Protein backbone atom coordinates (compact mmCIF):
# COMPACT_ATOMS: atom_id res chain seq x y z
CA MET A 1 16.93 8.66 -31.08
CA GLY A 2 14.24 10.49 -29.11
CA ARG A 3 14.45 13.99 -27.73
CA THR A 4 16.05 14.83 -24.40
CA VAL A 5 13.83 17.03 -22.24
CA ALA A 6 15.20 18.43 -18.98
CA VAL A 7 12.39 18.58 -16.42
CA PHE A 8 12.41 20.97 -13.45
CA THR A 9 9.76 20.63 -10.74
CA ASP A 10 9.23 21.77 -7.15
CA THR A 11 6.92 18.78 -6.55
CA TYR A 12 8.18 15.20 -6.79
CA LEU A 13 8.55 12.05 -4.77
CA PRO A 14 8.17 11.35 -1.91
CA THR A 15 5.44 14.04 -2.05
CA VAL A 16 2.32 12.41 -3.46
CA ASN A 17 -0.08 14.45 -5.60
CA GLY A 18 -1.38 14.83 -9.13
CA VAL A 19 1.67 16.72 -10.38
CA THR A 20 4.01 14.01 -9.12
CA TYR A 21 1.97 11.26 -10.77
CA THR A 22 1.77 13.17 -14.05
CA VAL A 23 5.50 13.84 -14.20
CA GLN A 24 6.28 10.22 -13.30
CA THR A 25 3.95 8.82 -15.94
CA TRP A 26 5.11 11.19 -18.68
CA ARG A 27 8.75 10.30 -17.96
CA LYS A 28 7.98 6.59 -18.16
CA ARG A 29 6.07 6.88 -21.45
CA TRP A 30 8.72 9.22 -22.92
CA ALA A 31 11.45 6.68 -22.14
CA GLU A 32 9.37 3.92 -23.78
CA ARG A 33 9.39 6.04 -26.95
CA GLY A 34 13.17 6.30 -26.93
CA GLY A 35 13.50 9.73 -25.34
CA ARG A 36 15.00 10.92 -22.07
CA MET A 37 13.56 13.14 -19.35
CA PRO A 38 16.20 13.79 -16.70
CA ILE A 39 14.47 15.51 -13.79
CA VAL A 40 15.60 18.08 -11.23
CA TYR A 41 13.57 18.12 -8.00
CA PRO A 42 13.83 18.92 -4.28
CA GLY A 43 15.70 16.13 -2.53
CA ALA A 44 14.31 14.44 0.59
CA ASP A 45 15.92 12.07 3.06
CA ASP A 46 13.19 9.44 2.63
CA TYR A 47 13.49 9.08 -1.15
CA GLU A 48 16.37 7.43 -2.99
CA PRO A 49 16.78 8.83 -6.53
CA GLY A 50 16.60 6.47 -9.47
CA GLU A 51 18.08 6.71 -12.94
CA GLY A 52 17.69 10.16 -14.44
CA GLU A 53 16.49 11.69 -11.13
CA HIS A 54 18.69 14.53 -9.88
CA PRO A 55 17.80 15.97 -6.45
CA VAL A 56 18.97 19.36 -5.21
CA ARG A 57 19.19 20.52 -1.61
CA SER A 58 15.89 21.42 0.00
CA ILE A 59 14.26 22.49 3.24
CA GLU A 60 10.81 21.70 4.60
CA PHE A 61 8.39 24.42 3.56
CA PRO A 62 6.93 25.99 6.75
CA PHE A 63 3.53 26.90 5.28
CA TYR A 64 2.59 23.63 3.57
CA ASP A 65 3.08 20.38 5.44
CA GLY A 66 4.95 17.69 3.51
CA PHE A 67 6.28 20.05 0.86
CA HIS A 68 10.03 20.53 0.36
CA ALA A 69 11.33 23.86 -0.91
CA ALA A 70 14.32 23.46 -3.21
CA VAL A 71 17.48 25.50 -3.14
CA PRO A 72 17.59 26.61 -6.81
CA GLY A 73 20.36 25.10 -8.86
CA VAL A 74 21.23 22.89 -11.82
CA PRO A 75 23.07 19.58 -11.25
CA ASP A 76 26.09 18.91 -13.45
CA ASP A 77 24.35 15.85 -14.89
CA ILE A 78 21.76 18.10 -16.55
CA GLU A 79 24.52 20.06 -18.25
CA ALA A 80 26.00 16.77 -19.49
CA ALA A 81 22.63 15.55 -20.79
CA ASP A 82 22.63 18.36 -23.39
CA PRO A 83 18.82 18.66 -23.49
CA ASP A 84 16.92 19.70 -26.61
CA LEU A 85 14.49 21.73 -24.50
CA VAL A 86 13.47 22.44 -20.90
CA HIS A 87 10.06 21.65 -19.41
CA THR A 88 9.21 23.21 -16.05
CA HIS A 89 6.31 22.15 -13.84
CA THR A 90 6.51 25.13 -11.48
CA PRO A 91 7.00 28.89 -11.82
CA PHE A 92 8.96 29.07 -8.56
CA LEU A 93 12.40 28.02 -7.27
CA LEU A 94 13.37 25.20 -9.63
CA GLY A 95 11.17 26.77 -12.29
CA LEU A 96 13.50 29.74 -12.18
CA SER A 97 16.47 27.38 -12.45
CA GLY A 98 14.89 25.85 -15.54
CA LEU A 99 14.26 29.29 -17.05
CA LYS A 100 17.85 30.36 -16.44
CA PHE A 101 19.20 27.11 -17.89
CA ALA A 102 17.04 27.40 -21.03
CA ARG A 103 18.15 30.99 -21.62
CA SER A 104 21.85 30.31 -21.04
CA HIS A 105 21.84 27.26 -23.32
CA GLY A 106 19.63 28.66 -26.06
CA VAL A 107 16.94 25.96 -25.88
CA PRO A 108 13.15 26.44 -25.77
CA LEU A 109 11.26 26.55 -22.49
CA VAL A 110 7.91 24.78 -22.08
CA ALA A 111 6.07 25.63 -18.86
CA SER A 112 3.27 23.42 -17.50
CA TYR A 113 0.51 25.20 -15.60
CA HIS A 114 -0.87 22.81 -12.99
CA THR A 115 -2.35 24.95 -10.23
CA PRO A 116 -3.46 28.60 -9.84
CA THR A 117 -0.83 29.78 -7.36
CA ALA A 118 -3.14 32.46 -5.95
CA GLU A 119 -5.34 29.72 -4.50
CA TYR A 120 -2.63 28.89 -1.96
CA ALA A 121 -2.73 32.32 -0.32
CA ASP A 122 -4.61 30.76 2.62
CA TYR A 123 -1.43 28.94 3.62
CA ILE A 124 0.66 32.08 4.10
CA ALA A 125 -1.80 34.94 4.69
CA GLU A 126 -5.06 35.60 6.52
CA GLY A 127 -7.59 38.40 6.63
CA TRP A 128 -6.71 41.57 4.73
CA LEU A 129 -3.33 40.17 3.68
CA ARG A 130 -4.88 37.42 1.57
CA SER A 131 -6.03 39.66 -1.28
CA PRO A 132 -2.67 41.38 -1.91
CA VAL A 133 -0.91 38.01 -1.68
CA GLU A 134 -3.28 36.60 -4.30
CA ARG A 135 -2.67 39.59 -6.59
CA ALA A 136 1.08 39.25 -6.19
CA ALA A 137 0.88 35.54 -7.01
CA ARG A 138 -1.10 36.18 -10.19
CA THR A 139 1.30 38.94 -11.26
CA TYR A 140 4.31 36.70 -10.75
CA GLU A 141 2.59 33.78 -12.49
CA LYS A 142 1.94 35.95 -15.54
CA TRP A 143 5.53 37.26 -15.54
CA TYR A 144 6.96 33.74 -15.51
CA LEU A 145 4.67 32.18 -18.09
CA ASN A 146 5.23 35.05 -20.52
CA ARG A 147 8.91 34.09 -20.57
CA ALA A 148 8.25 30.60 -21.89
CA GLU A 149 8.10 29.72 -25.57
CA MET A 150 5.05 27.55 -24.88
CA VAL A 151 2.68 27.02 -21.96
CA VAL A 152 1.00 23.65 -21.51
CA VAL A 153 -2.32 23.41 -19.65
CA PRO A 154 -4.44 20.30 -18.97
CA SER A 155 -7.82 21.80 -19.92
CA GLU A 156 -9.60 24.56 -21.84
CA PRO A 157 -10.77 26.34 -18.64
CA ALA A 158 -7.12 26.58 -17.57
CA ARG A 159 -6.20 28.14 -20.93
CA HIS A 160 -9.07 30.61 -20.57
CA HIS A 161 -7.87 31.57 -17.09
CA LEU A 162 -4.36 32.32 -18.35
CA ARG A 163 -5.70 34.53 -21.10
CA GLU A 164 -7.80 36.38 -18.52
CA ILE A 165 -4.77 37.18 -16.34
CA GLY A 166 -2.74 38.41 -19.32
CA VAL A 167 -0.56 35.49 -20.41
CA ARG A 168 0.44 36.21 -24.03
CA THR A 169 2.57 33.12 -24.68
CA ALA A 170 1.14 30.41 -26.94
CA VAL A 171 -0.93 27.99 -24.82
CA GLU A 172 -1.57 24.36 -25.81
CA VAL A 173 -3.98 21.98 -24.08
CA VAL A 174 -2.25 18.71 -23.16
CA PRO A 175 -4.37 16.60 -20.78
CA ASN A 176 -2.37 14.95 -18.01
CA GLY A 177 -3.78 11.60 -19.02
CA VAL A 178 -4.69 8.50 -17.03
CA ASP A 179 -2.58 5.37 -16.91
CA THR A 180 -5.35 3.08 -18.14
CA ASP A 181 -3.03 0.08 -17.83
CA GLN A 182 -3.33 0.57 -14.07
CA PHE A 183 -6.70 2.26 -13.65
CA GLY A 184 -9.66 0.11 -14.60
CA PRO A 185 -12.44 -1.83 -12.84
CA VAL A 186 -11.02 -4.41 -10.44
CA GLU A 187 -12.34 -6.89 -7.87
CA THR A 188 -12.75 -5.06 -4.57
CA SER A 189 -13.75 -7.58 -1.87
CA ARG A 190 -10.24 -7.91 -0.42
CA PHE A 191 -9.77 -4.13 -0.22
CA VAL A 192 -13.25 -3.58 1.25
CA GLU A 193 -12.65 -6.23 3.91
CA ALA A 194 -9.17 -4.95 4.77
CA GLN A 195 -10.48 -1.40 5.21
CA ASN A 196 -13.66 -2.50 7.03
CA LEU A 197 -15.90 -0.81 4.46
CA ASP A 198 -18.54 -3.54 4.12
CA THR A 199 -21.17 -1.34 5.75
CA GLY A 200 -24.14 -2.24 3.57
CA LYS A 201 -24.43 1.43 2.59
CA PRO A 202 -23.44 3.21 -0.62
CA LEU A 203 -19.81 4.38 -0.52
CA VAL A 204 -19.13 8.03 -1.30
CA GLY A 205 -15.46 8.90 -1.25
CA TYR A 206 -12.49 11.04 -2.14
CA THR A 207 -8.77 10.40 -2.26
CA GLY A 208 -5.96 12.88 -2.72
CA ARG A 209 -4.31 15.68 -0.86
CA HIS A 210 -6.35 17.11 2.02
CA GLY A 211 -5.59 20.73 1.20
CA PHE A 212 -7.71 23.65 2.39
CA GLU A 213 -8.15 24.81 -1.21
CA LYS A 214 -9.91 21.50 -2.04
CA GLN A 215 -12.89 22.46 0.21
CA LEU A 216 -13.39 18.85 1.29
CA GLU A 217 -15.60 19.93 4.16
CA LEU A 218 -18.37 20.31 1.55
CA ILE A 219 -18.48 16.50 1.30
CA VAL A 220 -19.27 16.20 5.02
CA GLU A 221 -21.82 19.02 4.89
CA ALA A 222 -23.56 17.54 1.85
CA THR A 223 -23.79 14.00 3.24
CA ASP A 224 -24.85 15.00 6.76
CA GLY A 225 -27.96 12.93 7.44
CA MET A 226 -27.56 10.68 4.36
CA ASP A 227 -27.58 6.90 4.70
CA VAL A 228 -24.13 6.47 3.16
CA THR A 229 -20.58 5.78 4.26
CA VAL A 230 -18.13 8.54 3.41
CA VAL A 231 -14.54 7.45 2.82
CA PHE A 232 -11.52 9.75 2.71
CA GLY A 233 -8.22 8.45 1.38
CA GLY A 234 -5.07 10.53 1.52
CA ASP A 235 -3.80 13.09 3.97
CA GLY A 236 -2.82 16.73 4.28
CA PRO A 237 -3.03 19.90 6.34
CA ALA A 238 -6.85 20.11 6.27
CA ARG A 239 -7.38 16.63 7.70
CA ASP A 240 -7.62 17.66 11.37
CA ARG A 241 -10.38 20.17 10.62
CA LEU A 242 -12.14 17.62 8.44
CA GLU A 243 -12.05 14.99 11.19
CA ARG A 244 -13.53 17.45 13.70
CA MET A 245 -16.39 18.23 11.31
CA ALA A 246 -16.99 14.54 10.64
CA ALA A 247 -17.19 13.76 14.36
CA GLU A 248 -20.10 16.21 14.71
CA ALA A 249 -21.97 15.20 11.55
CA ASP A 250 -24.79 12.65 11.31
CA VAL A 251 -23.05 10.43 8.78
CA ASP A 252 -20.65 7.49 8.88
CA VAL A 253 -17.22 8.89 7.91
CA ARG A 254 -14.01 6.83 7.60
CA PHE A 255 -10.46 8.17 7.19
CA LEU A 256 -8.13 5.66 5.57
CA GLY A 257 -5.04 7.85 5.46
CA PHE A 258 -2.45 7.56 2.72
CA LEU A 259 -3.20 4.79 0.23
CA ASP A 260 -0.54 3.04 -1.79
CA ARG A 261 -0.80 3.80 -5.49
CA ASP A 262 -1.45 0.11 -6.16
CA ASP A 263 -4.54 0.23 -3.91
CA LEU A 264 -6.20 3.11 -5.77
CA PRO A 265 -7.94 1.08 -8.51
CA ALA A 266 -9.65 -0.98 -5.78
CA PHE A 267 -10.51 2.18 -3.85
CA TYR A 268 -12.11 3.85 -6.88
CA SER A 269 -13.87 0.64 -7.96
CA ALA A 270 -15.35 0.12 -4.49
CA LEU A 271 -16.97 3.56 -4.46
CA ASP A 272 -20.48 4.22 -5.72
CA VAL A 273 -19.65 7.92 -6.14
CA PHE A 274 -16.39 9.81 -6.18
CA ALA A 275 -17.04 13.21 -4.54
CA PHE A 276 -14.89 16.13 -5.70
CA PRO A 277 -15.81 19.60 -4.39
CA SER A 278 -12.55 21.39 -5.30
CA PRO A 279 -13.13 24.61 -7.30
CA VAL A 280 -9.45 25.12 -8.19
CA GLU A 281 -8.62 22.14 -10.43
CA THR A 282 -6.86 22.67 -13.74
CA GLN A 283 -7.90 19.14 -14.74
CA GLY A 284 -8.81 17.00 -11.73
CA LEU A 285 -6.81 13.87 -12.48
CA VAL A 286 -8.39 11.83 -9.66
CA ALA A 287 -11.82 12.35 -11.22
CA LEU A 288 -10.57 10.86 -14.48
CA GLU A 289 -8.90 7.98 -12.63
CA ALA A 290 -12.21 7.24 -10.90
CA ASN A 291 -14.04 7.33 -14.24
CA ALA A 292 -11.47 4.97 -15.76
CA CYS A 293 -12.40 2.51 -13.00
CA GLY A 294 -16.08 2.90 -13.86
CA THR A 295 -16.95 5.18 -10.93
CA PRO A 296 -18.97 8.33 -11.68
CA VAL A 297 -18.14 11.67 -10.07
CA ALA A 298 -20.17 14.26 -8.18
CA ALA A 299 -18.24 17.50 -8.58
CA VAL A 300 -18.57 21.25 -8.45
CA ASP A 301 -19.19 23.20 -11.63
CA ALA A 302 -15.94 25.16 -11.47
CA GLY A 303 -12.49 25.15 -13.01
CA ALA A 304 -11.63 22.17 -15.16
CA LEU A 305 -14.28 20.00 -13.48
CA SER A 306 -16.84 21.86 -15.60
CA ASP A 307 -15.31 19.99 -18.56
CA THR A 308 -13.89 16.87 -16.89
CA VAL A 309 -17.24 15.79 -15.43
CA VAL A 310 -19.80 15.47 -18.22
CA THR A 311 -23.31 15.85 -16.81
CA GLY A 312 -25.39 12.71 -17.29
CA GLU A 313 -22.44 10.79 -18.75
CA THR A 314 -19.62 10.64 -16.21
CA GLY A 315 -21.40 12.22 -13.24
CA HIS A 316 -23.19 15.34 -12.09
CA ARG A 317 -22.12 18.84 -11.02
CA ALA A 318 -23.30 21.45 -8.53
CA PRO A 319 -22.48 25.13 -7.92
CA PRO A 320 -19.22 25.53 -5.95
CA GLY A 321 -19.66 25.94 -2.20
CA ASP A 322 -23.35 24.91 -2.30
CA ALA A 323 -23.79 22.03 0.16
CA GLU A 324 -27.43 21.41 -0.76
CA GLY A 325 -26.62 21.45 -4.47
CA PHE A 326 -23.70 19.10 -3.92
CA ARG A 327 -25.96 16.75 -1.97
CA GLU A 328 -28.35 16.67 -4.93
CA ALA A 329 -25.44 15.93 -7.30
CA ILE A 330 -24.39 13.01 -5.10
CA GLU A 331 -27.95 11.68 -4.92
CA ARG A 332 -28.43 11.92 -8.71
CA THR A 333 -25.12 10.20 -9.32
CA LEU A 334 -26.10 7.39 -6.93
CA ALA A 335 -29.48 7.00 -8.63
CA GLU A 336 -27.91 6.78 -12.11
CA ARG A 337 -24.87 4.77 -11.06
CA ASP A 338 -25.28 1.91 -13.57
CA SER A 339 -25.79 4.02 -16.71
CA LEU A 340 -23.07 6.48 -15.70
CA THR A 341 -20.62 3.62 -15.20
CA GLU A 342 -21.21 2.46 -18.79
CA HIS A 343 -20.42 5.93 -20.14
CA CYS A 344 -17.31 6.21 -17.96
CA LEU A 345 -15.89 2.97 -19.32
CA GLU A 346 -16.65 3.98 -22.91
CA ARG A 347 -14.38 7.04 -22.48
CA ARG A 348 -11.31 5.19 -21.13
CA ASP A 349 -9.25 5.37 -24.33
CA ALA A 350 -9.99 9.06 -24.81
CA VAL A 351 -8.45 9.98 -21.43
CA SER A 352 -5.42 7.68 -21.61
CA VAL A 353 -1.91 8.95 -20.95
CA ASP A 354 -0.76 7.65 -24.34
CA HIS A 355 -2.98 10.22 -26.06
CA ALA A 356 -1.56 12.87 -23.73
CA VAL A 357 2.04 12.02 -24.58
CA ASP A 358 1.18 12.02 -28.30
CA LYS A 359 0.04 15.61 -27.87
CA LEU A 360 3.05 16.48 -25.72
CA SER A 361 5.36 15.20 -28.44
CA GLU A 362 3.58 17.41 -30.98
CA VAL A 363 4.12 20.44 -28.73
CA TYR A 364 7.82 19.72 -28.40
CA GLU A 365 8.23 19.32 -32.14
CA MET A 366 6.49 22.66 -32.76
CA LEU A 367 9.40 24.31 -30.95
CA LEU A 368 12.19 22.16 -32.39
């Protein structure tokens, strides 16, 4: 009989992002190995819970569109599940519920570190307030993580960051992993035709949350004047600003909106370059998904992307915030597209979610 791991997260369906996908995929693979991962998450009217999914009351978060803030609590079904340990995917709200539950039931707490919380200060503070809000976020983050028995991060740069801010808890690197059963090179003509992307130009694109912290405007700045078609999939609070910039730029830009998960392999496979200018990634799962589909990445040399994107093998990198440097990274990636694709496909097994769950299981057993 496998272990029972109670999962607490502030981000879950119907919200669509890397954390949601990671939690979903880990739960699926854990169940296939005979374990259970009952999950506590903020409930939403437009999502019907499935087996092992336990929503709590929530309200729409006023500072971040599409995010639901949970009312902290622990459903009775979690008590009945008698978990061997608790795994939280947030330091806030339901993360506190998970911490309290672990302490009161005498089971270990594993805390995943997905996103530097200080990077979201832009959503709730401007001007002189931003700096103290960022400091407060880092202080709280450190306080929470130091109360876990183990912290899980998806990359070495993320582990280094936690050591820099004073996290003393043991930290293990467990990559989020890519579902390589789903993400691989596929035939794209139907998707290209449906989305009207047969422009005769190279396709440079991004998909994911349009958050301000992702700095997606750098894609428009870097491609201004290039003979390419830029494709944005996804949605989020920064989209309006991005569309205004695109309307003024000398480049063909298309906004596809939210893409169904089943369409993503075709989206990635259709691109010549996946552009990823975000400096705040702890792994950058979409970059690895693109690579698994054979598409190289032009990224910034910051955060986990410094490791995720291997120069000359899976793409090229540029200094963060440098539009001219990012343009050069895109151009080099386009020029080396064929050889980079070969390297990307050679690395598919190494980035698979099965390897990630193997490592996750090892972490759990360290504590049990």
